Amino acid sequence: MTPADLKAYLDNLIRKNLQISTMIWGPPGIGKSSIVRQIAQEYDIDFKGSVPPKPLSVGV
């Protein structure tokens, strides 16, 4: 799926108010979160992107 295809897919879900779970998978750095963030801003939807895990503190 190209970035344009992903954007069109997400646009369609939102316009039709289809509330389904969607997994977006791919290697790091290809823009998955950026596309979702862009769509969320266009539709004024709160977006909470993935956050990398915090390192464990051992012996502190």
PDB file of N, CA and C in Angstrom:
ATOM      1  N   MET A   1       0.854  -1.171   0.000  1.00  0.00           N
ATOM      2  CA  MET A   1       0.000   0.000   0.000  1.00  0.00           C
ATOM      3  C   MET A   1       0.901   1.235   0.000  1.00  0.00           C
ATOM      4  N   THR A   2       0.634   2.136  -0.887  1.00  0.00           N
ATOM      5  CA  THR A   2       1.423   3.368  -0.954  1.00  0.00           C
ATOM      6  C   THR A   2       0.911   4.356   0.093  1.00  0.00           C
ATOM      7  N   PRO A   3       1.704   5.386   0.422  1.00  0.00           N
ATOM      8  CA  PRO A   3       1.212   6.410   1.344  1.00  0.00           C
ATOM      9  C   PRO A   3      -0.106   7.039   0.871  1.00  0.00           C
ATOM     10  N   ALA A   4      -0.244   7.250  -0.424  1.00  0.00           N
ATOM     11  CA  ALA A   4      -1.494   7.819  -0.955  1.00  0.00           C
ATOM     12  C   ALA A   4      -2.663   6.850  -0.751  1.00  0.00           C
ATOM     13  N   ASP A   5      -2.413   5.551  -0.925  1.00  0.00           N
ATOM     14  CA  ASP A   5      -3.453   4.541  -0.695  1.00  0.00           C
ATOM     15  C   ASP A   5      -3.868   4.521   0.776  1.00  0.00           C
ATOM     16  N   LEU A   6      -2.888   4.600   1.678  1.00  0.00           N
ATOM     17  CA  LEU A   6      -3.179   4.612   3.111  1.00  0.00           C
ATOM     18  C   LEU A   6      -4.018   5.828   3.475  1.00  0.00           C
ATOM     19  N   LYS A   7      -3.638   6.979   2.943  1.00  0.00           N
ATOM     20  CA  LYS A   7      -4.393   8.208   3.221  1.00  0.00           C
ATOM     21  C   LYS A   7      -5.831   8.070   2.721  1.00  0.00           C
ATOM     22  N   ALA A   8      -6.014   7.551   1.517  1.00  0.00           N
ATOM     23  CA  ALA A   8      -7.355   7.367   0.960  1.00  0.00           C
ATOM     24  C   ALA A   8      -8.162   6.376   1.801  1.00  0.00           C
ATOM     25  N   TYR A   9      -7.520   5.306   2.249  1.00  0.00           N
ATOM     26  CA  TYR A   9      -8.193   4.304   3.086  1.00  0.00           C
ATOM     27  C   TYR A   9      -8.673   4.930   4.390  1.00  0.00           C
ATOM     28  N   LEU A  10      -7.789   5.676   5.055  1.00  0.00           N
ATOM     29  CA  LEU A  10      -8.151   6.308   6.322  1.00  0.00           C
ATOM     30  C   LEU A  10      -9.223   7.382   6.122  1.00  0.00           C
ATOM     31  N   ASP A  11      -9.097   8.163   5.067  1.00  0.00           N
ATOM     32  CA  ASP A  11     -10.132   9.162   4.736  1.00  0.00           C
ATOM     33  C   ASP A  11     -11.493   8.489   4.598  1.00  0.00           C
ATOM     34  N   ASN A  12     -11.528   7.375   3.892  1.00  0.00           N
ATOM     35  CA  ASN A  12     -12.774   6.644   3.667  1.00  0.00           C
ATOM     36  C   ASN A  12     -13.367   6.142   4.980  1.00  0.00           C
ATOM     37  N   LEU A  13     -12.523   5.591   5.859  1.00  0.00           N
ATOM     38  CA  LEU A  13     -13.014   5.115   7.156  1.00  0.00           C
ATOM     39  C   LEU A  13     -13.662   6.246   7.946  1.00  0.00           C
ATOM     40  N   ILE A  14     -13.028   7.394   7.945  1.00  0.00           N
ATOM     41  CA  ILE A  14     -13.523   8.516   8.737  1.00  0.00           C
ATOM     42  C   ILE A  14     -14.795   9.094   8.121  1.00  0.00           C
ATOM     43  N   ARG A  15     -14.783   9.308   6.806  1.00  0.00           N
ATOM     44  CA  ARG A  15     -15.966   9.887   6.152  1.00  0.00           C
ATOM     45  C   ARG A  15     -17.202   9.011   6.329  1.00  0.00           C
ATOM     46  N   LYS A  16     -17.014   7.692   6.324  1.00  0.00           N
ATOM     47  CA  LYS A  16     -18.138   6.768   6.470  1.00  0.00           C
ATOM     48  C   LYS A  16     -18.390   6.395   7.934  1.00  0.00           C
ATOM     49  N   ASN A  17     -17.622   6.998   8.833  1.00  0.00           N
ATOM     50  CA  ASN A  17     -17.744   6.743  10.273  1.00  0.00           C
ATOM     51  C   ASN A  17     -17.643   5.253  10.592  1.00  0.00           C
ATOM     52  N   LEU A  18     -16.719   4.571   9.921  1.00  0.00           N
ATOM     53  CA  LEU A  18     -16.496   3.145  10.156  1.00  0.00           C
ATOM     54  C   LEU A  18     -15.503   2.999  11.304  1.00  0.00           C
ATOM     55  N   GLN A  19     -15.992   2.582  12.433  1.00  0.00           N
ATOM     56  CA  GLN A  19     -15.156   2.472  13.623  1.00  0.00           C
ATOM     57  C   GLN A  19     -14.639   1.047  13.754  1.00  0.00           C
ATOM     58  N   ILE A  20     -13.588   0.764  13.005  1.00  0.00           N
ATOM     59  CA  ILE A  20     -12.981  -0.567  13.035  1.00  0.00           C
ATOM     60  C   ILE A  20     -11.520  -0.432  13.429  1.00  0.00           C
ATOM     61  N   SER A  21     -10.989  -1.497  13.980  1.00  0.00           N
ATOM     62  CA  SER A  21      -9.564  -1.504  14.309  1.00  0.00           C
ATOM     63  C   SER A  21      -8.761  -1.669  13.031  1.00  0.00           C
ATOM     64  N   THR A  22      -7.674  -0.931  12.947  1.00  0.00           N
ATOM     65  CA  THR A  22      -6.816  -1.012  11.769  1.00  0.00           C
ATOM     66  C   THR A  22      -5.371  -1.051  12.222  1.00  0.00           C
ATOM     67  N   MET A  23      -4.638  -2.052  11.780  1.00  0.00           N
ATOM     68  CA  MET A  23      -3.222  -2.141  12.105  1.00  0.00           C
ATOM     69  C   MET A  23      -2.421  -1.643  10.905  1.00  0.00           C
ATOM     70  N   ILE A  24      -1.537  -0.707  11.158  1.00  0.00           N
ATOM     71  CA  ILE A  24      -0.665  -0.188  10.103  1.00  0.00           C
ATOM     72  C   ILE A  24       0.739  -0.667  10.438  1.00  0.00           C
ATOM     73  N   TRP A  25       1.255  -1.535   9.605  1.00  0.00           N
ATOM     74  CA  TRP A  25       2.521  -2.183   9.890  1.00  0.00           C
ATOM     75  C   TRP A  25       3.529  -1.849   8.800  1.00  0.00           C
ATOM     76  N   GLY A  26       4.771  -1.670   9.192  1.00  0.00           N
ATOM     77  CA  GLY A  26       5.845  -1.438   8.239  1.00  0.00           C
ATOM     78  C   GLY A  26       7.120  -1.090   8.980  1.00  0.00           C
ATOM     79  N   PRO A  27       8.225  -1.048   8.264  1.00  0.00           N
ATOM     80  CA  PRO A  27       9.494  -0.737   8.916  1.00  0.00           C
ATOM     81  C   PRO A  27       9.508   0.683   9.478  1.00  0.00           C
ATOM     82  N   PRO A  28      10.368   0.923  10.464  1.00  0.00           N
ATOM     83  CA  PRO A  28      10.452   2.263  11.047  1.00  0.00           C
ATOM     84  C   PRO A  28      10.876   3.309  10.011  1.00  0.00           C
ATOM     85  N   GLY A  29      10.331   4.491  10.183  1.00  0.00           N
ATOM     86  CA  GLY A  29      10.792   5.620   9.379  1.00  0.00           C
ATOM     87  C   GLY A  29      10.147   5.795   8.022  1.00  0.00           C
ATOM     88  N   ILE A  30       9.081   5.040   7.726  1.00  0.00           N
ATOM     89  CA  ILE A  30       8.477   5.185   6.395  1.00  0.00           C
ATOM     90  C   ILE A  30       7.287   6.142   6.378  1.00  0.00           C
ATOM     91  N   GLY A  31       6.915   6.664   7.567  1.00  0.00           N
ATOM     92  CA  GLY A  31       5.883   7.697   7.605  1.00  0.00           C
ATOM     93  C   GLY A  31       4.507   7.253   8.060  1.00  0.00           C
ATOM     94  N   LYS A  32       4.407   6.079   8.668  1.00  0.00           N
ATOM     95  CA  LYS A  32       3.096   5.598   9.119  1.00  0.00           C
ATOM     96  C   LYS A  32       2.450   6.591  10.076  1.00  0.00           C
ATOM     97  N   SER A  33       3.152   6.948  11.120  1.00  0.00           N
ATOM     98  CA  SER A  33       2.600   7.886  12.116  1.00  0.00           C
ATOM     99  C   SER A  33       2.357   9.255  11.516  1.00  0.00           C
ATOM    100  N   SER A  34       3.212   9.679  10.608  1.00  0.00           N
ATOM    101  CA  SER A  34       3.047  10.995   9.985  1.00  0.00           C
ATOM    102  C   SER A  34       1.754  11.076   9.187  1.00  0.00           C
ATOM    103  N   ILE A  35       1.435  10.007   8.467  1.00  0.00           N
ATOM    104  CA  ILE A  35       0.200   9.997   7.675  1.00  0.00           C
ATOM    105  C   ILE A  35      -1.019  10.003   8.596  1.00  0.00           C
ATOM    106  N   VAL A  36      -0.981   9.186   9.642  1.00  0.00           N
ATOM    107  CA  VAL A  36      -2.102   9.137  10.580  1.00  0.00           C
ATOM    108  C   VAL A  36      -2.263  10.482  11.284  1.00  0.00           C
ATOM    109  N   ARG A  37      -1.145  11.082  11.679  1.00  0.00           N
ATOM    110  CA  ARG A  37      -1.195  12.400  12.335  1.00  0.00           C
ATOM    111  C   ARG A  37      -1.800  13.442  11.387  1.00  0.00           C
ATOM    112  N   GLN A  38      -1.416  13.405  10.122  1.00  0.00           N
ATOM    113  CA  GLN A  38      -1.945  14.348   9.134  1.00  0.00           C
ATOM    114  C   GLN A  38      -3.461  14.181   8.979  1.00  0.00           C
ATOM    115  N   ILE A  39      -3.930  12.959   8.880  1.00  0.00           N
ATOM    116  CA  ILE A  39      -5.364  12.698   8.759  1.00  0.00           C
ATOM    117  C   ILE A  39      -6.092  13.175  10.014  1.00  0.00           C
ATOM    118  N   ALA A  40      -5.521  12.881  11.180  1.00  0.00           N
ATOM    119  CA  ALA A  40      -6.138  13.300  12.446  1.00  0.00           C
ATOM    120  C   ALA A  40      -6.280  14.819  12.504  1.00  0.00           C
ATOM    121  N   GLN A  41      -5.265  15.538  12.065  1.00  0.00           N
ATOM    122  CA  GLN A  41      -5.333  17.001  12.065  1.00  0.00           C
ATOM    123  C   GLN A  41      -6.402  17.495  11.093  1.00  0.00           C
ATOM    124  N   GLU A  42      -6.494  16.877   9.931  1.00  0.00           N
ATOM    125  CA  GLU A  42      -7.495  17.298   8.936  1.00  0.00           C
ATOM    126  C   GLU A  42      -8.919  17.154   9.462  1.00  0.00           C
ATOM    127  N   TYR A  43      -9.154  16.121  10.271  1.00  0.00           N
ATOM    128  CA  TYR A  43     -10.495  15.846  10.776  1.00  0.00           C
ATOM    129  C   TYR A  43     -10.667  16.263  12.236  1.00  0.00           C
ATOM    130  N   ASP A  44      -9.702  16.975  12.769  1.00  0.00           N
ATOM    131  CA  ASP A  44      -9.729  17.452  14.157  1.00  0.00           C
ATOM    132  C   ASP A  44      -9.976  16.296  15.138  1.00  0.00           C
ATOM    133  N   ILE A  45      -9.179  15.237  14.973  1.00  0.00           N
ATOM    134  CA  ILE A  45      -9.247  14.056  15.829  1.00  0.00           C
ATOM    135  C   ILE A  45      -8.001  14.033  16.703  1.00  0.00           C
ATOM    136  N   ASP A  46      -8.185  13.719  17.989  1.00  0.00           N
ATOM    137  CA  ASP A  46      -7.053  13.619  18.901  1.00  0.00           C
ATOM    138  C   ASP A  46      -6.198  12.417  18.511  1.00  0.00           C
ATOM    139  N   PHE A  47      -4.917  12.642  18.286  1.00  0.00           N
ATOM    140  CA  PHE A  47      -4.003  11.567  17.887  1.00  0.00           C
ATOM    141  C   PHE A  47      -2.962  11.368  18.963  1.00  0.00           C
ATOM    142  N   LYS A  48      -2.863  10.145  19.437  1.00  0.00           N
ATOM    143  CA  LYS A  48      -1.827   9.784  20.394  1.00  0.00           C
ATOM    144  C   LYS A  48      -0.945   8.754  19.711  1.00  0.00           C
ATOM    145  N   GLY A  49       0.172   9.202  19.189  1.00  0.00           N
ATOM    146  CA  GLY A  49       1.077   8.323  18.469  1.00  0.00           C
ATOM    147  C   GLY A  49       1.793   7.365  19.400  1.00  0.00           C
ATOM    148  N   SER A  50       2.430   6.412  18.806  1.00  0.00           N
ATOM    149  CA  SER A  50       3.175   5.443  19.598  1.00  0.00           C
ATOM    150  C   SER A  50       4.392   6.134  20.233  1.00  0.00           C
ATOM    151  N   VAL A  51       4.700   5.689  21.408  1.00  0.00           N
ATOM    152  CA  VAL A  51       5.826   6.255  22.150  1.00  0.00           C
ATOM    153  C   VAL A  51       6.826   5.134  22.395  1.00  0.00           C
ATOM    154  N   PRO A  52       8.106   5.368  22.105  1.00  0.00           N
ATOM    155  CA  PRO A  52       9.089   4.308  22.352  1.00  0.00           C
ATOM    156  C   PRO A  52       9.134   3.978  23.844  1.00  0.00           C
ATOM    157  N   PRO A  53       9.392   2.720  24.191  1.00  0.00           N
ATOM    158  CA  PRO A  53       9.434   2.342  25.591  1.00  0.00           C
ATOM    159  C   PRO A  53      10.570   3.055  26.324  1.00  0.00           C
ATOM    160  N   LYS A  54      10.306   3.338  27.610  1.00  0.00           N
ATOM    161  CA  LYS A  54      11.328   3.980  28.424  1.00  0.00           C
ATOM    162  C   LYS A  54      12.345   2.924  28.870  1.00  0.00           C
ATOM    163  N   PRO A  55      13.621   3.297  28.950  1.00  0.00           N
ATOM    164  CA  PRO A  55      14.608   2.323  29.438  1.00  0.00           C
ATOM    165  C   PRO A  55      14.364   1.998  30.908  1.00  0.00           C
ATOM    166  N   LEU A  56      14.652   0.776  31.284  1.00  0.00           N
ATOM    167  CA  LEU A  56      14.484   0.358  32.666  1.00  0.00           C
ATOM    168  C   LEU A  56      15.621   0.906  33.505  1.00  0.00           C
ATOM    169  N   SER A  57      15.289   1.314  34.720  1.00  0.00           N
ATOM    170  CA  SER A  57      16.305   1.742  35.676  1.00  0.00           C
ATOM    171  C   SER A  57      16.567   0.579  36.622  1.00  0.00           C
ATOM    172  N   VAL A  58      17.776   0.094  36.612  1.00  0.00           N
ATOM    173  CA  VAL A  58      18.135  -1.057  37.444  1.00  0.00           C
ATOM    174  C   VAL A  58      19.066  -0.602  38.538  1.00  0.00           C
ATOM    175  N   GLY A  59      18.733  -0.945  39.772  1.00  0.00           N
ATOM    176  CA  GLY A  59      19.595  -0.645  40.900  1.00  0.00           C
ATOM    177  C   GLY A  59      19.587   0.820  41.311  1.00  0.00           C
ATOM    178  N   VAL A  60      18.523   1.538  40.992  1.00  0.00           N
ATOM    179  CA  VAL A  60      18.468   2.955  41.357  1.00  0.00           C
ATOM    180  C   VAL A  60      17.679   3.130  42.624  1.00  0.00           C
TER     181      VAL A  60
END
